[in-house]
Amino acid sequence: MEYVEAFKDIKHINAIKKYLKNHSDRDYVLFVLGINTGLKIGQMLQLKVSDVLDKENQIKSYCLLPPTDDSRDRQIYLNAKTRTALKHYISSTGLTADDFLFLSAKTKQPISRQQAHRIIHQAVDALGIEGKYGATSMRKTFGYHAYKKGVSISLIQKHFHHATPSETMKYLGISKEDSNTPIIDVNL
């Protein structure tokens, strides 16, 4: 598998969001969900509409992921931007509860991992963003920006199921020089 990097520049993230929104609601939601949850691309592609809607057809605050070989089932928080994007997408496309969230235009199956990679790669190319990016860049972007906003590397490590904090730092492309100095301000 080819190494890809996180989108570290917020301007690039916003440009990609704008590009994808103008191109396809499905592709836009894929990107927004990816950068705001840190899910693996395979996990995102297996999501069904019923996984994100409650009984009243409202977007859930938490999405319960089914267990996989390497994890138990777990809840993933869907923030306000993600919920807004999902709500618009589902209501405008007429997807039903049994449909995959990221439905292929040709089949009743989800888009492929390769198609997800192409979606990100085409947006990056169209915008002239330098670097190596693909579908995994969304997951790395989530971790990178969570870390930069002060989330401890051990929590990100746990979220990504990595063995060590150094593995997570390397995965996110954060060097020792880039790392945050923790501020513990009890301020009693």
N, C-alpha and C. Protein backbone atom coordinates (compact mmCIF):
# COMPACT_ATOMS: atom_id res chain seq x y z
N MET A 1 0.84 -1.18 0.00
CA MET A 1 0.00 0.00 0.00
C MET A 1 0.88 1.25 0.00
N GLU A 2 0.52 2.20 -0.80
CA GLU A 2 1.29 3.43 -0.94
C GLU A 2 1.03 4.36 0.25
N TYR A 3 2.09 5.00 0.73
CA TYR A 3 1.96 5.94 1.84
C TYR A 3 1.23 7.19 1.36
N VAL A 4 0.24 7.63 2.15
CA VAL A 4 -0.44 8.90 1.89
C VAL A 4 -0.35 9.73 3.16
N GLU A 5 -0.53 11.03 3.02
CA GLU A 5 -0.40 11.93 4.16
C GLU A 5 -1.73 12.54 4.55
N ALA A 6 -1.73 13.18 5.72
CA ALA A 6 -2.90 13.90 6.21
C ALA A 6 -3.01 15.25 5.51
N PHE A 7 -4.22 15.76 5.42
CA PHE A 7 -4.42 17.14 4.97
C PHE A 7 -4.19 18.03 6.18
N LYS A 8 -3.06 18.69 6.23
CA LYS A 8 -2.69 19.49 7.40
C LYS A 8 -3.17 20.93 7.29
N ASP A 9 -3.34 21.43 6.09
CA ASP A 9 -3.72 22.83 5.86
C ASP A 9 -5.24 22.94 5.78
N ILE A 10 -5.82 23.73 6.69
CA ILE A 10 -7.28 23.92 6.73
C ILE A 10 -7.79 24.49 5.41
N LYS A 11 -7.01 25.34 4.77
CA LYS A 11 -7.43 25.90 3.47
C LYS A 11 -7.61 24.80 2.44
N HIS A 12 -6.73 23.81 2.46
CA HIS A 12 -6.85 22.69 1.54
C HIS A 12 -8.11 21.87 1.85
N ILE A 13 -8.36 21.65 3.13
CA ILE A 13 -9.55 20.89 3.54
C ILE A 13 -10.81 21.60 3.05
N ASN A 14 -10.88 22.90 3.28
CA ASN A 14 -12.06 23.66 2.85
C ASN A 14 -12.20 23.68 1.33
N ALA A 15 -11.09 23.76 0.62
CA ALA A 15 -11.13 23.74 -0.84
C ALA A 15 -11.64 22.39 -1.35
N ILE A 16 -11.19 21.31 -0.73
CA ILE A 16 -11.65 19.97 -1.12
C ILE A 16 -13.13 19.82 -0.83
N LYS A 17 -13.57 20.29 0.33
CA LYS A 17 -14.99 20.22 0.67
C LYS A 17 -15.82 20.97 -0.37
N LYS A 18 -15.39 22.16 -0.72
CA LYS A 18 -16.13 22.97 -1.71
C LYS A 18 -16.16 22.26 -3.06
N TYR A 19 -15.01 21.76 -3.48
CA TYR A 19 -14.92 21.05 -4.76
C TYR A 19 -15.86 19.84 -4.78
N LEU A 20 -15.80 19.02 -3.73
CA LEU A 20 -16.61 17.81 -3.69
C LEU A 20 -18.10 18.14 -3.60
N LYS A 21 -18.45 19.18 -2.84
CA LYS A 21 -19.86 19.56 -2.72
C LYS A 21 -20.42 19.96 -4.08
N ASN A 22 -19.62 20.65 -4.88
CA ASN A 22 -20.05 21.04 -6.23
C ASN A 22 -20.09 19.85 -7.19
N HIS A 23 -19.34 18.81 -6.86
CA HIS A 23 -19.23 17.64 -7.73
C HIS A 23 -20.29 16.59 -7.42
N SER A 24 -20.43 16.25 -6.13
CA SER A 24 -21.32 15.15 -5.74
C SER A 24 -21.59 15.21 -4.24
N ASP A 25 -22.87 15.19 -3.85
CA ASP A 25 -23.21 15.16 -2.43
C ASP A 25 -22.63 13.92 -1.75
N ARG A 26 -22.68 12.79 -2.44
CA ARG A 26 -22.15 11.55 -1.87
C ARG A 26 -20.66 11.68 -1.56
N ASP A 27 -19.91 12.22 -2.50
CA ASP A 27 -18.47 12.35 -2.32
C ASP A 27 -18.14 13.36 -1.23
N TYR A 28 -18.92 14.43 -1.15
CA TYR A 28 -18.75 15.44 -0.10
C TYR A 28 -18.97 14.81 1.27
N VAL A 29 -20.05 14.05 1.41
CA VAL A 29 -20.35 13.42 2.71
C VAL A 29 -19.29 12.39 3.07
N LEU A 30 -18.79 11.66 2.09
CA LEU A 30 -17.71 10.71 2.34
C LEU A 30 -16.51 11.43 2.96
N PHE A 31 -16.14 12.56 2.39
CA PHE A 31 -15.00 13.32 2.89
C PHE A 31 -15.27 13.89 4.27
N VAL A 32 -16.43 14.50 4.46
CA VAL A 32 -16.78 15.11 5.75
C VAL A 32 -16.82 14.04 6.84
N LEU A 33 -17.43 12.91 6.56
CA LEU A 33 -17.49 11.82 7.53
C LEU A 33 -16.08 11.31 7.85
N GLY A 34 -15.27 11.15 6.83
CA GLY A 34 -13.91 10.63 7.03
C GLY A 34 -13.03 11.53 7.87
N ILE A 35 -13.06 12.83 7.59
CA ILE A 35 -12.17 13.74 8.33
C ILE A 35 -12.70 14.08 9.72
N ASN A 36 -13.97 13.78 9.99
CA ASN A 36 -14.55 14.10 11.29
C ASN A 36 -14.73 12.90 12.20
N THR A 37 -14.48 11.69 11.70
CA THR A 37 -14.63 10.50 12.54
C THR A 37 -13.36 9.66 12.63
N GLY A 38 -12.51 9.74 11.64
CA GLY A 38 -11.31 8.91 11.63
C GLY A 38 -11.58 7.45 11.35
N LEU A 39 -12.73 7.15 10.77
CA LEU A 39 -13.04 5.76 10.43
C LEU A 39 -12.16 5.28 9.28
N LYS A 40 -11.91 3.98 9.26
CA LYS A 40 -11.23 3.38 8.12
C LYS A 40 -12.18 3.43 6.93
N ILE A 41 -11.63 3.52 5.74
CA ILE A 41 -12.46 3.62 4.54
C ILE A 41 -13.38 2.40 4.41
N GLY A 42 -12.88 1.23 4.75
CA GLY A 42 -13.71 0.03 4.70
C GLY A 42 -14.90 0.10 5.64
N GLN A 43 -14.71 0.69 6.82
CA GLN A 43 -15.81 0.85 7.77
C GLN A 43 -16.85 1.83 7.22
N MET A 44 -16.39 2.93 6.64
CA MET A 44 -17.32 3.92 6.11
C MET A 44 -18.15 3.33 4.97
N LEU A 45 -17.51 2.57 4.11
CA LEU A 45 -18.21 2.04 2.94
C LEU A 45 -19.25 0.99 3.31
N GLN A 46 -19.10 0.36 4.47
CA GLN A 46 -20.08 -0.64 4.90
C GLN A 46 -21.26 -0.03 5.67
N LEU A 47 -21.21 1.26 5.95
CA LEU A 47 -22.31 1.90 6.68
C LEU A 47 -23.57 1.91 5.83
N LYS A 48 -24.68 1.68 6.51
CA LYS A 48 -25.99 1.79 5.86
C LYS A 48 -26.68 3.02 6.42
N VAL A 49 -27.69 3.47 5.71
CA VAL A 49 -28.44 4.65 6.14
C VAL A 49 -29.00 4.42 7.55
N SER A 50 -29.46 3.21 7.83
CA SER A 50 -30.02 2.89 9.15
C SER A 50 -28.98 3.01 10.27
N ASP A 51 -27.71 2.98 9.94
CA ASP A 51 -26.66 3.13 10.95
C ASP A 51 -26.55 4.56 11.46
N VAL A 52 -27.02 5.52 10.67
CA VAL A 52 -26.89 6.93 11.07
C VAL A 52 -28.23 7.59 11.36
N LEU A 53 -29.35 6.89 11.10
CA LEU A 53 -30.68 7.44 11.39
C LEU A 53 -31.29 6.75 12.59
N ASP A 54 -31.99 7.53 13.43
CA ASP A 54 -32.72 6.94 14.54
C ASP A 54 -34.14 6.57 14.08
N LYS A 55 -34.99 6.14 15.02
CA LYS A 55 -36.34 5.69 14.67
C LYS A 55 -37.23 6.81 14.14
N GLU A 56 -36.90 8.05 14.48
CA GLU A 56 -37.67 9.21 14.00
C GLU A 56 -37.06 9.80 12.73
N ASN A 57 -36.16 9.06 12.10
CA ASN A 57 -35.46 9.51 10.88
C ASN A 57 -34.63 10.77 11.09
N GLN A 58 -34.10 10.93 12.28
CA GLN A 58 -33.17 12.01 12.59
C GLN A 58 -31.76 11.42 12.63
N ILE A 59 -30.79 12.25 12.30
CA ILE A 59 -29.40 11.78 12.33
C ILE A 59 -28.97 11.57 13.79
N LYS A 60 -28.41 10.42 14.06
CA LYS A 60 -27.94 10.09 15.41
C LYS A 60 -26.70 10.92 15.77
N SER A 61 -26.50 11.11 17.06
CA SER A 61 -25.27 11.76 17.52
C SER A 61 -24.12 10.76 17.55
N TYR A 62 -24.46 9.49 17.72
CA TYR A 62 -23.46 8.42 17.75
C TYR A 62 -23.87 7.33 16.79
N CYS A 63 -22.91 6.82 16.09
CA CYS A 63 -23.13 5.73 15.14
C CYS A 63 -22.49 4.48 15.74
N LEU A 64 -23.25 3.40 15.85
CA LEU A 64 -22.71 2.15 16.38
C LEU A 64 -22.14 1.32 15.24
N LEU A 65 -20.84 1.09 15.30
CA LEU A 65 -20.17 0.29 14.27
C LEU A 65 -20.25 -1.18 14.64
N PRO A 66 -20.50 -2.04 13.67
CA PRO A 66 -20.48 -3.47 13.97
C PRO A 66 -19.07 -3.94 14.30
N PRO A 67 -18.96 -5.03 15.06
CA PRO A 67 -17.61 -5.53 15.39
C PRO A 67 -16.90 -6.03 14.14
N THR A 68 -15.57 -5.91 14.17
CA THR A 68 -14.74 -6.43 13.09
C THR A 68 -13.75 -7.42 13.69
N ASP A 69 -12.89 -7.97 12.86
CA ASP A 69 -11.89 -8.93 13.34
C ASP A 69 -10.97 -8.30 14.38
N ASP A 70 -10.67 -7.00 14.22
CA ASP A 70 -9.69 -6.37 15.11
C ASP A 70 -10.32 -5.45 16.16
N SER A 71 -11.66 -5.44 16.28
CA SER A 71 -12.25 -4.56 17.29
C SER A 71 -13.63 -5.06 17.70
N ARG A 72 -14.03 -4.62 18.89
CA ARG A 72 -15.40 -4.84 19.34
C ARG A 72 -16.27 -3.78 18.69
N ASP A 73 -17.58 -3.92 18.85
CA ASP A 73 -18.43 -2.85 18.34
C ASP A 73 -18.15 -1.59 19.17
N ARG A 74 -18.28 -0.45 18.54
CA ARG A 74 -18.00 0.79 19.24
C ARG A 74 -18.82 1.92 18.65
N GLN A 75 -19.00 2.94 19.49
CA GLN A 75 -19.74 4.11 19.06
C GLN A 75 -18.79 5.16 18.52
N ILE A 76 -19.21 5.80 17.46
CA ILE A 76 -18.44 6.89 16.86
C ILE A 76 -19.31 8.14 16.91
N TYR A 77 -18.76 9.21 17.45
CA TYR A 77 -19.47 10.48 17.55
C TYR A 77 -19.59 11.13 16.18
N LEU A 78 -20.79 11.59 15.87
CA LEU A 78 -21.04 12.35 14.64
C LEU A 78 -21.25 13.80 15.03
N ASN A 79 -20.28 14.65 14.73
CA ASN A 79 -20.36 16.05 15.13
C ASN A 79 -21.39 16.81 14.29
N ALA A 80 -21.61 18.08 14.62
CA ALA A 80 -22.65 18.88 13.97
C ALA A 80 -22.45 18.99 12.46
N LYS A 81 -21.21 19.20 12.01
CA LYS A 81 -20.96 19.32 10.56
C LYS A 81 -21.28 18.01 9.84
N THR A 82 -20.92 16.92 10.47
CA THR A 82 -21.19 15.62 9.88
C THR A 82 -22.69 15.34 9.83
N ARG A 83 -23.39 15.62 10.93
CA ARG A 83 -24.84 15.40 10.97
C ARG A 83 -25.57 16.25 9.93
N THR A 84 -25.15 17.51 9.80
CA THR A 84 -25.77 18.41 8.81
C THR A 84 -25.56 17.88 7.39
N ALA A 85 -24.34 17.46 7.09
CA ALA A 85 -24.04 16.93 5.75
C ALA A 85 -24.84 15.65 5.49
N LEU A 86 -24.91 14.76 6.47
CA LEU A 86 -25.66 13.52 6.32
C LEU A 86 -27.15 13.79 6.11
N LYS A 87 -27.70 14.71 6.89
CA LYS A 87 -29.13 15.03 6.79
C LYS A 87 -29.48 15.53 5.39
N HIS A 88 -28.70 16.47 4.89
CA HIS A 88 -28.95 17.00 3.55
C HIS A 88 -28.80 15.91 2.49
N TYR A 89 -27.76 15.12 2.61
CA TYR A 89 -27.48 14.07 1.63
C TYR A 89 -28.60 13.04 1.58
N ILE A 90 -29.00 12.53 2.73
CA ILE A 90 -30.02 11.48 2.78
C ILE A 90 -31.36 12.01 2.29
N SER A 91 -31.72 13.22 2.70
CA SER A 91 -33.02 13.78 2.29
C SER A 91 -33.04 14.12 0.80
N SER A 92 -31.91 14.51 0.24
CA SER A 92 -31.89 14.91 -1.18
C SER A 92 -31.73 13.74 -2.15
N THR A 93 -31.27 12.60 -1.66
CA THR A 93 -31.03 11.47 -2.56
C THR A 93 -32.13 10.43 -2.53
N GLY A 94 -32.95 10.45 -1.49
CA GLY A 94 -34.02 9.46 -1.40
C GLY A 94 -33.53 8.08 -1.01
N LEU A 95 -32.38 8.00 -0.37
CA LEU A 95 -31.88 6.71 0.11
C LEU A 95 -32.82 6.14 1.16
N THR A 96 -32.96 4.83 1.20
CA THR A 96 -33.79 4.18 2.21
C THR A 96 -32.89 3.61 3.30
N ALA A 97 -33.50 3.21 4.41
CA ALA A 97 -32.75 2.72 5.56
C ALA A 97 -31.86 1.53 5.22
N ASP A 98 -32.28 0.71 4.27
CA ASP A 98 -31.51 -0.48 3.92
C ASP A 98 -30.39 -0.22 2.92
N ASP A 99 -30.34 0.98 2.37
CA ASP A 99 -29.31 1.31 1.38
C ASP A 99 -27.96 1.56 2.05
N PHE A 100 -26.90 1.21 1.34
CA PHE A 100 -25.57 1.62 1.79
C PHE A 100 -25.49 3.13 1.69
N LEU A 101 -24.80 3.74 2.61
CA LEU A 101 -24.69 5.20 2.65
C LEU A 101 -23.98 5.74 1.42
N PHE A 102 -22.95 5.04 0.98
CA PHE A 102 -22.17 5.49 -0.17
C PHE A 102 -22.40 4.54 -1.34
N LEU A 103 -23.60 4.61 -1.85
CA LEU A 103 -24.09 3.72 -2.89
C LEU A 103 -23.44 4.02 -4.24
N SER A 104 -23.04 2.96 -4.91
CA SER A 104 -22.51 3.10 -6.26
C SER A 104 -23.63 3.51 -7.21
N ALA A 105 -23.30 4.30 -8.20
CA ALA A 105 -24.30 4.73 -9.19
C ALA A 105 -24.71 3.56 -10.08
N LYS A 106 -23.88 2.53 -10.16
CA LYS A 106 -24.13 1.42 -11.08
C LYS A 106 -24.77 0.19 -10.43
N THR A 107 -24.53 0.00 -9.14
CA THR A 107 -25.03 -1.19 -8.46
C THR A 107 -25.71 -0.78 -7.16
N LYS A 108 -26.28 -1.75 -6.48
CA LYS A 108 -26.88 -1.49 -5.17
C LYS A 108 -25.86 -1.73 -4.05
N GLN A 109 -24.61 -1.78 -4.42
CA GLN A 109 -23.52 -1.99 -3.48
C GLN A 109 -22.83 -0.66 -3.19
N PRO A 110 -22.01 -0.63 -2.12
CA PRO A 110 -21.26 0.61 -1.86
C PRO A 110 -20.18 0.80 -2.91
N ILE A 111 -19.70 2.03 -3.02
CA ILE A 111 -18.57 2.28 -3.90
C ILE A 111 -17.38 1.46 -3.40
N SER A 112 -16.42 1.23 -4.24
CA SER A 112 -15.24 0.44 -3.86
C SER A 112 -14.22 1.33 -3.15
N ARG A 113 -13.29 0.68 -2.49
CA ARG A 113 -12.17 1.40 -1.86
C ARG A 113 -11.39 2.17 -2.92
N GLN A 114 -11.23 1.55 -4.08
CA GLN A 114 -10.49 2.19 -5.16
C GLN A 114 -11.22 3.45 -5.65
N GLN A 115 -12.56 3.36 -5.73
CA GLN A 115 -13.34 4.53 -6.14
C GLN A 115 -13.20 5.65 -5.09
N ALA A 116 -13.23 5.30 -3.81
CA ALA A 116 -13.05 6.31 -2.75
C ALA A 116 -11.68 6.98 -2.90
N HIS A 117 -10.67 6.18 -3.18
CA HIS A 117 -9.32 6.72 -3.39
C HIS A 117 -9.32 7.68 -4.59
N ARG A 118 -9.97 7.26 -5.67
CA ARG A 118 -10.04 8.11 -6.88
C ARG A 118 -10.75 9.42 -6.60
N ILE A 119 -11.81 9.39 -5.80
CA ILE A 119 -12.57 10.60 -5.47
C ILE A 119 -11.65 11.63 -4.82
N ILE A 120 -10.88 11.18 -3.82
CA ILE A 120 -9.97 12.09 -3.11
C ILE A 120 -8.84 12.53 -4.04
N HIS A 121 -8.28 11.58 -4.76
CA HIS A 121 -7.15 11.87 -5.65
C HIS A 121 -7.55 12.87 -6.73
N GLN A 122 -8.73 12.71 -7.32
CA GLN A 122 -9.19 13.63 -8.37
C GLN A 122 -9.40 15.03 -7.82
N ALA A 123 -9.95 15.14 -6.61
CA ALA A 123 -10.16 16.46 -6.00
C ALA A 123 -8.82 17.15 -5.77
N VAL A 124 -7.86 16.42 -5.24
CA VAL A 124 -6.52 16.96 -4.97
C VAL A 124 -5.87 17.41 -6.28
N ASP A 125 -5.95 16.58 -7.30
CA ASP A 125 -5.38 16.93 -8.61
C ASP A 125 -6.05 18.16 -9.20
N ALA A 126 -7.37 18.21 -9.15
CA ALA A 126 -8.11 19.34 -9.72
C ALA A 126 -7.76 20.65 -9.03
N LEU A 127 -7.47 20.56 -7.73
CA LEU A 127 -7.15 21.76 -6.95
C LEU A 127 -5.66 22.08 -6.94
N GLY A 128 -4.84 21.21 -7.50
CA GLY A 128 -3.41 21.45 -7.56
C GLY A 128 -2.71 21.35 -6.21
N ILE A 129 -3.24 20.53 -5.32
CA ILE A 129 -2.64 20.35 -3.99
C ILE A 129 -1.48 19.37 -4.12
N GLU A 130 -0.30 19.80 -3.67
CA GLU A 130 0.91 18.98 -3.76
C GLU A 130 0.93 17.94 -2.65
N GLY A 131 1.44 16.76 -2.95
CA GLY A 131 1.60 15.72 -1.95
C GLY A 131 0.94 14.43 -2.40
N LYS A 132 1.05 13.41 -1.54
CA LYS A 132 0.46 12.10 -1.82
C LYS A 132 -0.77 11.94 -0.94
N TYR A 133 -1.93 11.86 -1.58
CA TYR A 133 -3.19 11.77 -0.84
C TYR A 133 -4.06 10.68 -1.42
N GLY A 134 -4.89 10.10 -0.58
CA GLY A 134 -5.84 9.09 -0.99
C GLY A 134 -6.91 8.94 0.07
N ALA A 135 -7.64 7.85 0.02
CA ALA A 135 -8.75 7.64 0.95
C ALA A 135 -8.29 7.63 2.41
N THR A 136 -7.13 7.06 2.69
CA THR A 136 -6.63 6.99 4.06
C THR A 136 -6.24 8.37 4.58
N SER A 137 -6.06 9.33 3.70
CA SER A 137 -5.74 10.70 4.13
C SER A 137 -6.84 11.28 5.01
N MET A 138 -8.08 10.86 4.80
CA MET A 138 -9.19 11.37 5.63
C MET A 138 -9.00 10.95 7.08
N ARG A 139 -8.69 9.68 7.29
CA ARG A 139 -8.46 9.15 8.64
C ARG A 139 -7.26 9.84 9.30
N LYS A 140 -6.20 10.00 8.54
CA LYS A 140 -5.00 10.66 9.06
C LYS A 140 -5.27 12.13 9.38
N THR A 141 -6.10 12.77 8.57
CA THR A 141 -6.46 14.18 8.80
C THR A 141 -7.19 14.32 10.13
N PHE A 142 -8.12 13.42 10.39
CA PHE A 142 -8.84 13.42 11.66
C PHE A 142 -7.86 13.35 12.83
N GLY A 143 -6.96 12.38 12.79
CA GLY A 143 -6.00 12.20 13.88
C GLY A 143 -5.06 13.37 14.03
N TYR A 144 -4.56 13.87 12.91
CA TYR A 144 -3.62 15.00 12.94
C TYR A 144 -4.27 16.23 13.59
N HIS A 145 -5.47 16.58 13.15
CA HIS A 145 -6.11 17.78 13.68
C HIS A 145 -6.62 17.59 15.11
N ALA A 146 -7.01 16.37 15.45
CA ALA A 146 -7.37 16.10 16.85
C ALA A 146 -6.15 16.34 17.74
N TYR A 147 -5.00 15.84 17.31
CA TYR A 147 -3.77 16.02 18.07
C TYR A 147 -3.40 17.49 18.17
N LYS A 148 -3.48 18.22 17.07
CA LYS A 148 -3.14 19.64 17.07
C LYS A 148 -4.09 20.46 17.93
N LYS A 149 -5.31 19.95 18.16
CA LYS A 149 -6.28 20.66 19.01
C LYS A 149 -6.17 20.23 20.46
N GLY A 150 -5.19 19.39 20.78
CA GLY A 150 -4.93 19.06 22.17
C GLY A 150 -5.40 17.71 22.64
N VAL A 151 -5.96 16.89 21.76
CA VAL A 151 -6.36 15.54 22.15
C VAL A 151 -5.09 14.73 22.36
N SER A 152 -5.04 14.00 23.47
CA SER A 152 -3.82 13.27 23.79
C SER A 152 -3.55 12.19 22.75
N ILE A 153 -2.28 11.98 22.49
CA ILE A 153 -1.88 10.98 21.50
C ILE A 153 -2.33 9.59 21.93
N SER A 154 -2.43 9.35 23.24
CA SER A 154 -2.87 8.04 23.71
C SER A 154 -4.34 7.78 23.37
N LEU A 155 -5.18 8.81 23.38
CA LEU A 155 -6.58 8.65 22.98
C LEU A 155 -6.68 8.39 21.47
N ILE A 156 -5.89 9.09 20.70
CA ILE A 156 -5.89 8.89 19.25
C ILE A 156 -5.36 7.50 18.93
N GLN A 157 -4.32 7.08 19.66
CA GLN A 157 -3.75 5.74 19.50
C GLN A 157 -4.84 4.69 19.74
N LYS A 158 -5.62 4.87 20.80
CA LYS A 158 -6.69 3.93 21.13
C LYS A 158 -7.76 3.93 20.03
N HIS A 159 -8.12 5.10 19.55
CA HIS A 159 -9.13 5.23 18.49
C HIS A 159 -8.69 4.49 17.22
N PHE A 160 -7.40 4.56 16.92
CA PHE A 160 -6.85 3.93 15.72
C PHE A 160 -6.41 2.48 15.94
N HIS A 161 -6.50 1.99 17.17
CA HIS A 161 -6.07 0.63 17.51
C HIS A 161 -4.59 0.41 17.20
N HIS A 162 -3.77 1.41 17.51
CA HIS A 162 -2.32 1.27 17.32
C HIS A 162 -1.69 0.72 18.60
N ALA A 163 -0.55 0.08 18.46
CA ALA A 163 0.13 -0.54 19.60
C ALA A 163 0.84 0.48 20.48
N THR A 164 1.42 1.52 19.88
CA THR A 164 2.21 2.48 20.64
C THR A 164 1.90 3.91 20.20
N PRO A 165 2.15 4.88 21.09
CA PRO A 165 2.00 6.28 20.69
C PRO A 165 2.93 6.66 19.54
N SER A 166 4.13 6.10 19.52
CA SER A 166 5.07 6.44 18.44
C SER A 166 4.57 5.93 17.09
N GLU A 167 3.88 4.80 17.08
CA GLU A 167 3.27 4.30 15.84
C GLU A 167 2.22 5.29 15.33
N THR A 168 1.43 5.83 16.25
CA THR A 168 0.40 6.80 15.89
C THR A 168 1.02 8.10 15.39
N MET A 169 2.06 8.57 16.07
CA MET A 169 2.75 9.80 15.64
C MET A 169 3.30 9.63 14.22
N LYS A 170 3.92 8.49 13.96
CA LYS A 170 4.47 8.23 12.63
C LYS A 170 3.35 8.15 11.60
N TYR A 171 2.27 7.47 11.93
CA TYR A 171 1.12 7.33 11.04
C TYR A 171 0.55 8.69 10.65
N LEU A 172 0.51 9.61 11.61
CA LEU A 172 -0.06 10.94 11.37
C LEU A 172 0.93 11.90 10.72
N GLY A 173 2.19 11.48 10.64
CA GLY A 173 3.21 12.35 10.04
C GLY A 173 3.65 13.46 10.97
N ILE A 174 3.64 13.18 12.27
CA ILE A 174 4.04 14.18 13.27
C ILE A 174 5.41 13.79 13.82
N SER A 175 6.38 14.67 13.63
CA SER A 175 7.72 14.41 14.14
C SER A 175 7.81 14.92 15.58
N LYS A 176 8.89 14.56 16.24
CA LYS A 176 9.09 15.03 17.62
C LYS A 176 9.14 16.55 17.69
N GLU A 177 9.69 17.17 16.65
CA GLU A 177 9.77 18.64 16.62
C GLU A 177 8.39 19.28 16.48
N ASP A 178 7.48 18.57 15.80
CA ASP A 178 6.12 19.09 15.59
C ASP A 178 5.21 18.86 16.79
N SER A 179 5.61 17.96 17.69
CA SER A 179 4.69 17.55 18.75
C SER A 179 4.39 18.69 19.72
N ASN A 180 3.15 18.62 20.24
CA ASN A 180 2.68 19.64 21.18
C ASN A 180 3.32 19.44 22.54
N THR A 181 3.61 20.53 23.22
CA THR A 181 3.99 20.46 24.61
C THR A 181 2.70 20.48 25.41
N PRO A 182 2.44 19.43 26.18
CA PRO A 182 1.17 19.40 26.90
C PRO A 182 1.07 20.53 27.93
N ILE A 183 -0.09 21.11 27.99
CA ILE A 183 -0.36 22.16 28.97
C ILE A 183 -1.39 21.59 29.94
N ILE A 184 -0.96 21.41 31.16
CA ILE A 184 -1.87 20.93 32.19
C ILE A 184 -2.11 22.10 33.13
N ASP A 185 -3.22 22.76 32.92
CA ASP A 185 -3.53 23.99 33.66
C ASP A 185 -4.68 23.71 34.61
N VAL A 186 -4.35 23.27 35.82
CA VAL A 186 -5.38 22.98 36.81
C VAL A 186 -6.04 24.27 37.27
N ASN A 187 -5.25 25.31 37.48
CA ASN A 187 -5.76 26.65 37.78
C ASN A 187 -6.78 26.66 38.91
N LEU A 188 -6.40 26.09 40.05
CA LEU A 188 -7.28 26.06 41.21
C LEU A 188 -7.30 27.42 41.82
